[in-house]
Amino acid sequence: MPPSARAIVTSGNDRVARARLRVAGLPVPDVLVTADDVRKSKPDPEGYLAAAAELGVAPRDCVVFEDAPAGVAAARSGGMRVVGVLGTVSELDAEYTVPDLAAVAVKLCPDPGTPVPGAGLRGGQGE
């Protein structure tokens, strides 16, 4: 997935977010929305809506991967689809769940309106 198609939204501050990305060996995305950038944190959707706006994408076209109940609530109230990432909690009230991010594969299609065989999300834990 190209950097221009992804963002990180975190309730942590900018310094902590960048440090955690560095320690994990991950690049800082072009769009990083932290607690320093918003007036209201999760479960308010402000952070997710800001990220969508910076990416130039309608909230309804966003998919959020979230591991906390407040984040799931924020993404949903922002009109985004949510994939719950289990691990820090054993259950999330999300449309879809995965055991961890290693269970996720992304397939990009040339036209956003074109379905990609095998790329559909399925509901339920670990499906």
N, C-alpha and C. Protein backbone atom coordinates (compact mmCIF):
# COMPACT_ATOMS: atom_id res chain seq x y z
N MET A 1 0.85 -1.17 0.00
CA MET A 1 0.00 0.00 0.00
C MET A 1 0.90 1.24 0.00
N PRO A 2 0.66 2.16 -0.90
CA PRO A 2 1.53 3.34 -0.97
C PRO A 2 1.36 4.24 0.26
N PRO A 3 2.41 4.94 0.66
CA PRO A 3 2.33 5.83 1.82
C PRO A 3 1.20 6.86 1.71
N SER A 4 0.86 7.26 0.51
CA SER A 4 -0.19 8.26 0.33
C SER A 4 -1.58 7.72 0.63
N ALA A 5 -1.69 6.42 0.89
CA ALA A 5 -2.99 5.80 1.13
C ALA A 5 -3.16 5.37 2.58
N ARG A 6 -2.25 5.76 3.46
CA ARG A 6 -2.38 5.32 4.85
C ARG A 6 -2.02 6.44 5.81
N ALA A 7 -2.53 6.27 7.02
CA ALA A 7 -2.28 7.25 8.07
C ALA A 7 -2.23 6.51 9.40
N ILE A 8 -1.69 7.17 10.40
CA ILE A 8 -1.77 6.69 11.77
C ILE A 8 -2.47 7.75 12.58
N VAL A 9 -3.46 7.31 13.36
CA VAL A 9 -4.17 8.19 14.29
C VAL A 9 -3.98 7.58 15.67
N THR A 10 -3.40 8.34 16.58
CA THR A 10 -3.11 7.82 17.91
C THR A 10 -3.52 8.81 18.99
N SER A 11 -3.88 8.27 20.14
CA SER A 11 -4.18 9.11 21.30
C SER A 11 -2.91 9.53 22.02
N GLY A 12 -1.79 8.98 21.60
CA GLY A 12 -0.51 9.38 22.17
C GLY A 12 -0.03 10.70 21.58
N ASN A 13 0.93 11.32 22.24
CA ASN A 13 1.45 12.57 21.69
C ASN A 13 2.45 12.28 20.58
N ASP A 14 2.85 13.32 19.87
CA ASP A 14 3.71 13.17 18.70
C ASP A 14 5.06 12.55 19.06
N ARG A 15 5.64 13.01 20.14
CA ARG A 15 6.96 12.50 20.55
C ARG A 15 6.91 11.00 20.83
N VAL A 16 5.90 10.58 21.56
CA VAL A 16 5.77 9.15 21.90
C VAL A 16 5.46 8.33 20.65
N ALA A 17 4.57 8.83 19.80
CA ALA A 17 4.21 8.10 18.57
C ALA A 17 5.44 7.88 17.69
N ARG A 18 6.22 8.93 17.48
CA ARG A 18 7.42 8.81 16.64
C ARG A 18 8.45 7.86 17.27
N ALA A 19 8.59 7.92 18.58
CA ALA A 19 9.54 7.04 19.26
C ALA A 19 9.11 5.58 19.11
N ARG A 20 7.82 5.32 19.27
CA ARG A 20 7.33 3.94 19.14
C ARG A 20 7.50 3.42 17.72
N LEU A 21 7.25 4.25 16.74
CA LEU A 21 7.45 3.84 15.34
C LEU A 21 8.93 3.53 15.09
N ARG A 22 9.81 4.38 15.60
CA ARG A 22 11.25 4.19 15.42
C ARG A 22 11.70 2.87 16.07
N VAL A 23 11.27 2.61 17.29
CA VAL A 23 11.65 1.39 17.99
C VAL A 23 11.13 0.16 17.25
N ALA A 24 9.94 0.27 16.66
CA ALA A 24 9.35 -0.86 15.91
C ALA A 24 9.97 -1.00 14.52
N GLY A 25 10.80 -0.04 14.11
CA GLY A 25 11.42 -0.10 12.79
C GLY A 25 10.46 0.26 11.68
N LEU A 26 9.44 1.03 12.01
CA LEU A 26 8.44 1.43 11.02
C LEU A 26 8.64 2.89 10.61
N PRO A 27 8.39 3.21 9.35
CA PRO A 27 8.52 4.61 8.91
C PRO A 27 7.37 5.46 9.45
N VAL A 28 7.66 6.72 9.67
CA VAL A 28 6.61 7.66 10.06
C VAL A 28 5.81 7.97 8.80
N PRO A 29 4.50 7.76 8.83
CA PRO A 29 3.70 8.02 7.63
C PRO A 29 3.60 9.51 7.34
N ASP A 30 3.25 9.84 6.11
CA ASP A 30 3.06 11.24 5.73
C ASP A 30 1.96 11.87 6.57
N VAL A 31 0.94 11.08 6.91
CA VAL A 31 -0.17 11.58 7.73
C VAL A 31 -0.11 10.88 9.08
N LEU A 32 0.26 11.65 10.09
CA LEU A 32 0.33 11.18 11.47
C LEU A 32 -0.47 12.16 12.31
N VAL A 33 -1.59 11.70 12.84
CA VAL A 33 -2.44 12.55 13.68
C VAL A 33 -2.31 12.06 15.11
N THR A 34 -1.83 12.93 15.98
CA THR A 34 -1.60 12.57 17.38
C THR A 34 -2.49 13.43 18.29
N ALA A 35 -2.39 13.17 19.59
CA ALA A 35 -3.14 13.94 20.57
C ALA A 35 -2.78 15.43 20.49
N ASP A 36 -1.58 15.73 20.01
CA ASP A 36 -1.16 17.13 19.88
C ASP A 36 -1.91 17.86 18.77
N ASP A 37 -2.55 17.11 17.87
CA ASP A 37 -3.19 17.70 16.69
C ASP A 37 -4.70 17.89 16.83
N VAL A 38 -5.29 17.37 17.88
CA VAL A 38 -6.75 17.41 18.02
C VAL A 38 -7.15 18.02 19.36
N ARG A 39 -8.37 18.52 19.40
CA ARG A 39 -8.90 19.06 20.65
C ARG A 39 -9.56 17.97 21.49
N LYS A 40 -10.17 16.99 20.79
CA LYS A 40 -10.86 15.90 21.47
C LYS A 40 -10.25 14.58 21.03
N SER A 41 -9.97 13.73 22.00
CA SER A 41 -9.39 12.43 21.64
C SER A 41 -10.47 11.37 21.53
N LYS A 42 -10.07 10.18 21.15
CA LYS A 42 -10.98 9.07 21.01
C LYS A 42 -11.74 8.89 22.32
N PRO A 43 -13.03 8.65 22.29
CA PRO A 43 -13.86 8.14 21.21
C PRO A 43 -14.43 9.20 20.26
N ASP A 44 -14.00 10.45 20.39
CA ASP A 44 -14.42 11.47 19.41
C ASP A 44 -13.74 11.16 18.07
N PRO A 45 -14.45 11.33 16.96
CA PRO A 45 -13.87 10.99 15.65
C PRO A 45 -12.92 12.04 15.07
N GLU A 46 -12.66 13.13 15.79
CA GLU A 46 -11.87 14.23 15.23
C GLU A 46 -10.56 13.78 14.60
N GLY A 47 -9.82 12.92 15.27
CA GLY A 47 -8.53 12.46 14.73
C GLY A 47 -8.68 11.70 13.43
N TYR A 48 -9.64 10.77 13.38
CA TYR A 48 -9.85 10.00 12.16
C TYR A 48 -10.35 10.88 11.02
N LEU A 49 -11.22 11.82 11.33
CA LEU A 49 -11.73 12.73 10.29
C LEU A 49 -10.60 13.63 9.76
N ALA A 50 -9.71 14.05 10.65
CA ALA A 50 -8.56 14.86 10.22
C ALA A 50 -7.65 14.06 9.29
N ALA A 51 -7.41 12.80 9.64
CA ALA A 51 -6.56 11.95 8.79
C ALA A 51 -7.19 11.74 7.42
N ALA A 52 -8.48 11.47 7.38
CA ALA A 52 -9.17 11.28 6.10
C ALA A 52 -9.06 12.54 5.25
N ALA A 53 -9.25 13.70 5.87
CA ALA A 53 -9.16 14.96 5.14
C ALA A 53 -7.75 15.16 4.58
N GLU A 54 -6.73 14.88 5.39
CA GLU A 54 -5.34 15.03 4.92
C GLU A 54 -5.02 14.06 3.78
N LEU A 55 -5.62 12.87 3.82
CA LEU A 55 -5.42 11.90 2.75
C LEU A 55 -6.25 12.23 1.51
N GLY A 56 -7.25 13.11 1.68
CA GLY A 56 -8.13 13.44 0.56
C GLY A 56 -9.13 12.34 0.25
N VAL A 57 -9.55 11.62 1.30
CA VAL A 57 -10.44 10.48 1.13
C VAL A 57 -11.70 10.70 1.96
N ALA A 58 -12.84 10.35 1.41
CA ALA A 58 -14.09 10.44 2.16
C ALA A 58 -14.07 9.43 3.30
N PRO A 59 -14.57 9.79 4.48
CA PRO A 59 -14.58 8.85 5.60
C PRO A 59 -15.21 7.50 5.24
N ARG A 60 -16.25 7.49 4.44
CA ARG A 60 -16.91 6.22 4.08
C ARG A 60 -16.00 5.30 3.26
N ASP A 61 -14.92 5.85 2.70
CA ASP A 61 -13.98 5.05 1.92
C ASP A 61 -12.75 4.62 2.72
N CYS A 62 -12.76 4.91 4.01
CA CYS A 62 -11.64 4.56 4.88
C CYS A 62 -11.91 3.24 5.60
N VAL A 63 -10.84 2.50 5.85
CA VAL A 63 -10.89 1.31 6.69
C VAL A 63 -9.90 1.56 7.82
N VAL A 64 -10.39 1.46 9.04
CA VAL A 64 -9.58 1.70 10.23
C VAL A 64 -9.25 0.37 10.89
N PHE A 65 -7.99 0.17 11.23
CA PHE A 65 -7.56 -0.99 12.02
C PHE A 65 -7.34 -0.47 13.43
N GLU A 66 -8.09 -0.99 14.37
CA GLU A 66 -8.11 -0.42 15.72
C GLU A 66 -8.08 -1.51 16.77
N ASP A 67 -7.31 -1.28 17.85
CA ASP A 67 -7.19 -2.28 18.90
C ASP A 67 -7.79 -1.87 20.23
N ALA A 68 -8.54 -0.79 20.26
CA ALA A 68 -9.12 -0.32 21.52
C ALA A 68 -10.59 0.08 21.32
N PRO A 69 -11.42 -0.18 22.32
CA PRO A 69 -12.84 0.16 22.21
C PRO A 69 -13.09 1.64 21.89
N ALA A 70 -12.34 2.56 22.50
CA ALA A 70 -12.53 3.98 22.23
C ALA A 70 -12.22 4.31 20.77
N GLY A 71 -11.21 3.67 20.21
CA GLY A 71 -10.86 3.89 18.81
C GLY A 71 -11.89 3.33 17.86
N VAL A 72 -12.45 2.17 18.20
CA VAL A 72 -13.52 1.60 17.38
C VAL A 72 -14.71 2.55 17.37
N ALA A 73 -15.07 3.07 18.54
CA ALA A 73 -16.19 4.01 18.63
C ALA A 73 -15.92 5.28 17.83
N ALA A 74 -14.68 5.77 17.88
CA ALA A 74 -14.31 6.98 17.15
C ALA A 74 -14.43 6.77 15.65
N ALA A 75 -13.90 5.67 15.15
CA ALA A 75 -13.95 5.41 13.71
C ALA A 75 -15.39 5.23 13.24
N ARG A 76 -16.16 4.49 14.00
CA ARG A 76 -17.57 4.27 13.62
C ARG A 76 -18.34 5.58 13.59
N SER A 77 -18.16 6.41 14.63
CA SER A 77 -18.91 7.66 14.64
C SER A 77 -18.43 8.62 13.57
N GLY A 78 -17.22 8.37 13.03
CA GLY A 78 -16.72 9.15 11.90
C GLY A 78 -17.19 8.61 10.56
N GLY A 79 -17.97 7.53 10.57
CA GLY A 79 -18.50 6.97 9.33
C GLY A 79 -17.54 6.05 8.59
N MET A 80 -16.59 5.48 9.31
CA MET A 80 -15.58 4.62 8.70
C MET A 80 -15.83 3.16 9.04
N ARG A 81 -15.36 2.27 8.18
CA ARG A 81 -15.42 0.83 8.47
C ARG A 81 -14.27 0.50 9.41
N VAL A 82 -14.51 -0.48 10.28
CA VAL A 82 -13.53 -0.80 11.31
C VAL A 82 -13.19 -2.29 11.31
N VAL A 83 -11.90 -2.57 11.36
CA VAL A 83 -11.41 -3.92 11.60
C VAL A 83 -10.80 -3.90 13.00
N GLY A 84 -11.36 -4.67 13.89
CA GLY A 84 -10.85 -4.75 15.25
C GLY A 84 -9.63 -5.66 15.28
N VAL A 85 -8.55 -5.18 15.89
CA VAL A 85 -7.33 -5.97 16.02
C VAL A 85 -7.26 -6.46 17.47
N LEU A 86 -7.47 -7.76 17.63
CA LEU A 86 -7.47 -8.34 18.97
C LEU A 86 -6.04 -8.51 19.45
N GLY A 87 -5.87 -8.63 20.72
CA GLY A 87 -4.55 -8.81 21.29
C GLY A 87 -4.46 -8.04 22.59
N THR A 88 -4.68 -6.74 22.53
CA THR A 88 -4.69 -5.96 23.76
C THR A 88 -6.00 -6.19 24.50
N VAL A 89 -7.04 -6.56 23.76
CA VAL A 89 -8.33 -6.95 24.33
C VAL A 89 -8.77 -8.23 23.62
N SER A 90 -9.65 -8.99 24.25
CA SER A 90 -10.06 -10.25 23.64
C SER A 90 -11.31 -10.11 22.78
N GLU A 91 -11.96 -8.95 22.84
CA GLU A 91 -13.19 -8.74 22.08
C GLU A 91 -13.35 -7.26 21.76
N LEU A 92 -13.79 -6.97 20.54
CA LEU A 92 -14.08 -5.59 20.13
C LEU A 92 -15.39 -5.57 19.38
N ASP A 93 -16.14 -4.50 19.56
CA ASP A 93 -17.42 -4.34 18.89
C ASP A 93 -17.20 -3.72 17.51
N ALA A 94 -16.51 -4.47 16.64
CA ALA A 94 -16.18 -4.00 15.30
C ALA A 94 -16.87 -4.88 14.27
N GLU A 95 -17.02 -4.35 13.06
CA GLU A 95 -17.65 -5.12 11.99
C GLU A 95 -16.87 -6.39 11.68
N TYR A 96 -15.56 -6.30 11.79
CA TYR A 96 -14.66 -7.41 11.48
C TYR A 96 -13.59 -7.44 12.56
N THR A 97 -13.04 -8.62 12.80
CA THR A 97 -11.91 -8.71 13.73
C THR A 97 -10.84 -9.62 13.14
N VAL A 98 -9.61 -9.36 13.53
CA VAL A 98 -8.47 -10.22 13.18
C VAL A 98 -7.66 -10.43 14.46
N PRO A 99 -6.96 -11.55 14.55
CA PRO A 99 -6.19 -11.80 15.78
C PRO A 99 -5.01 -10.84 15.95
N ASP A 100 -4.43 -10.40 14.84
CA ASP A 100 -3.33 -9.45 14.85
C ASP A 100 -3.11 -8.95 13.42
N LEU A 101 -2.23 -8.01 13.25
CA LEU A 101 -2.02 -7.44 11.91
C LEU A 101 -1.32 -8.39 10.95
N ALA A 102 -0.69 -9.43 11.47
CA ALA A 102 -0.07 -10.42 10.60
C ALA A 102 -1.13 -11.18 9.80
N ALA A 103 -2.38 -11.13 10.26
CA ALA A 103 -3.48 -11.81 9.58
C ALA A 103 -4.09 -10.96 8.46
N VAL A 104 -3.50 -9.80 8.19
CA VAL A 104 -4.07 -8.86 7.22
C VAL A 104 -3.22 -8.81 5.96
N ALA A 105 -3.88 -8.88 4.82
CA ALA A 105 -3.23 -8.67 3.53
C ALA A 105 -4.03 -7.62 2.78
N VAL A 106 -3.35 -6.76 2.07
CA VAL A 106 -4.01 -5.68 1.33
C VAL A 106 -3.83 -5.93 -0.16
N LYS A 107 -4.93 -5.87 -0.88
CA LYS A 107 -4.89 -5.95 -2.34
C LYS A 107 -5.48 -4.65 -2.87
N LEU A 108 -4.70 -3.95 -3.67
CA LEU A 108 -5.17 -2.69 -4.25
C LEU A 108 -5.73 -2.96 -5.63
N CYS A 109 -6.79 -2.26 -5.96
CA CYS A 109 -7.37 -2.40 -7.29
C CYS A 109 -7.15 -1.11 -8.05
N PRO A 110 -7.06 -1.18 -9.38
CA PRO A 110 -6.78 0.02 -10.18
C PRO A 110 -7.90 1.05 -10.10
N ASP A 111 -9.12 0.60 -9.98
CA ASP A 111 -10.27 1.50 -9.90
C ASP A 111 -10.99 1.21 -8.59
N PRO A 112 -11.14 2.21 -7.70
CA PRO A 112 -11.76 1.95 -6.41
C PRO A 112 -13.13 1.28 -6.50
N GLY A 113 -13.82 1.39 -7.60
CA GLY A 113 -15.13 0.78 -7.74
C GLY A 113 -15.08 -0.66 -8.22
N THR A 114 -13.88 -1.15 -8.53
CA THR A 114 -13.74 -2.50 -9.07
C THR A 114 -13.44 -3.49 -7.95
N PRO A 115 -14.27 -4.53 -7.79
CA PRO A 115 -13.97 -5.52 -6.75
C PRO A 115 -12.74 -6.34 -7.12
N VAL A 116 -11.98 -6.71 -6.12
CA VAL A 116 -10.80 -7.54 -6.32
C VAL A 116 -11.12 -8.92 -5.77
N PRO A 117 -11.04 -9.98 -6.60
CA PRO A 117 -11.33 -11.32 -6.10
C PRO A 117 -10.45 -11.68 -4.90
N GLY A 118 -11.08 -12.21 -3.87
CA GLY A 118 -10.34 -12.63 -2.69
C GLY A 118 -9.98 -11.52 -1.74
N ALA A 119 -10.40 -10.28 -2.02
CA ALA A 119 -10.00 -9.17 -1.17
C ALA A 119 -11.11 -8.74 -0.22
N GLY A 120 -12.24 -9.42 -0.25
CA GLY A 120 -13.35 -9.02 0.62
C GLY A 120 -13.07 -9.30 2.09
N LEU A 121 -13.57 -8.43 2.94
CA LEU A 121 -13.48 -8.66 4.38
C LEU A 121 -14.63 -9.55 4.78
N ARG A 122 -14.38 -10.41 5.73
CA ARG A 122 -15.44 -11.26 6.25
C ARG A 122 -15.58 -10.97 7.74
N GLY A 123 -16.79 -11.05 8.21
CA GLY A 123 -17.06 -10.78 9.61
C GLY A 123 -16.67 -11.95 10.50
N GLY A 124 -16.55 -11.64 11.77
CA GLY A 124 -16.26 -12.68 12.74
C GLY A 124 -14.81 -12.73 13.14
N GLN A 125 -14.57 -13.23 14.32
CA GLN A 125 -13.21 -13.28 14.82
C GLN A 125 -12.37 -14.27 14.02
N GLY A 126 -11.27 -13.77 13.53
CA GLY A 126 -10.28 -14.61 12.87
C GLY A 126 -10.73 -15.20 11.55
N GLU A 127 -11.84 -14.77 11.00
CA GLU A 127 -12.27 -15.31 9.71
C GLU A 127 -11.55 -14.65 8.57
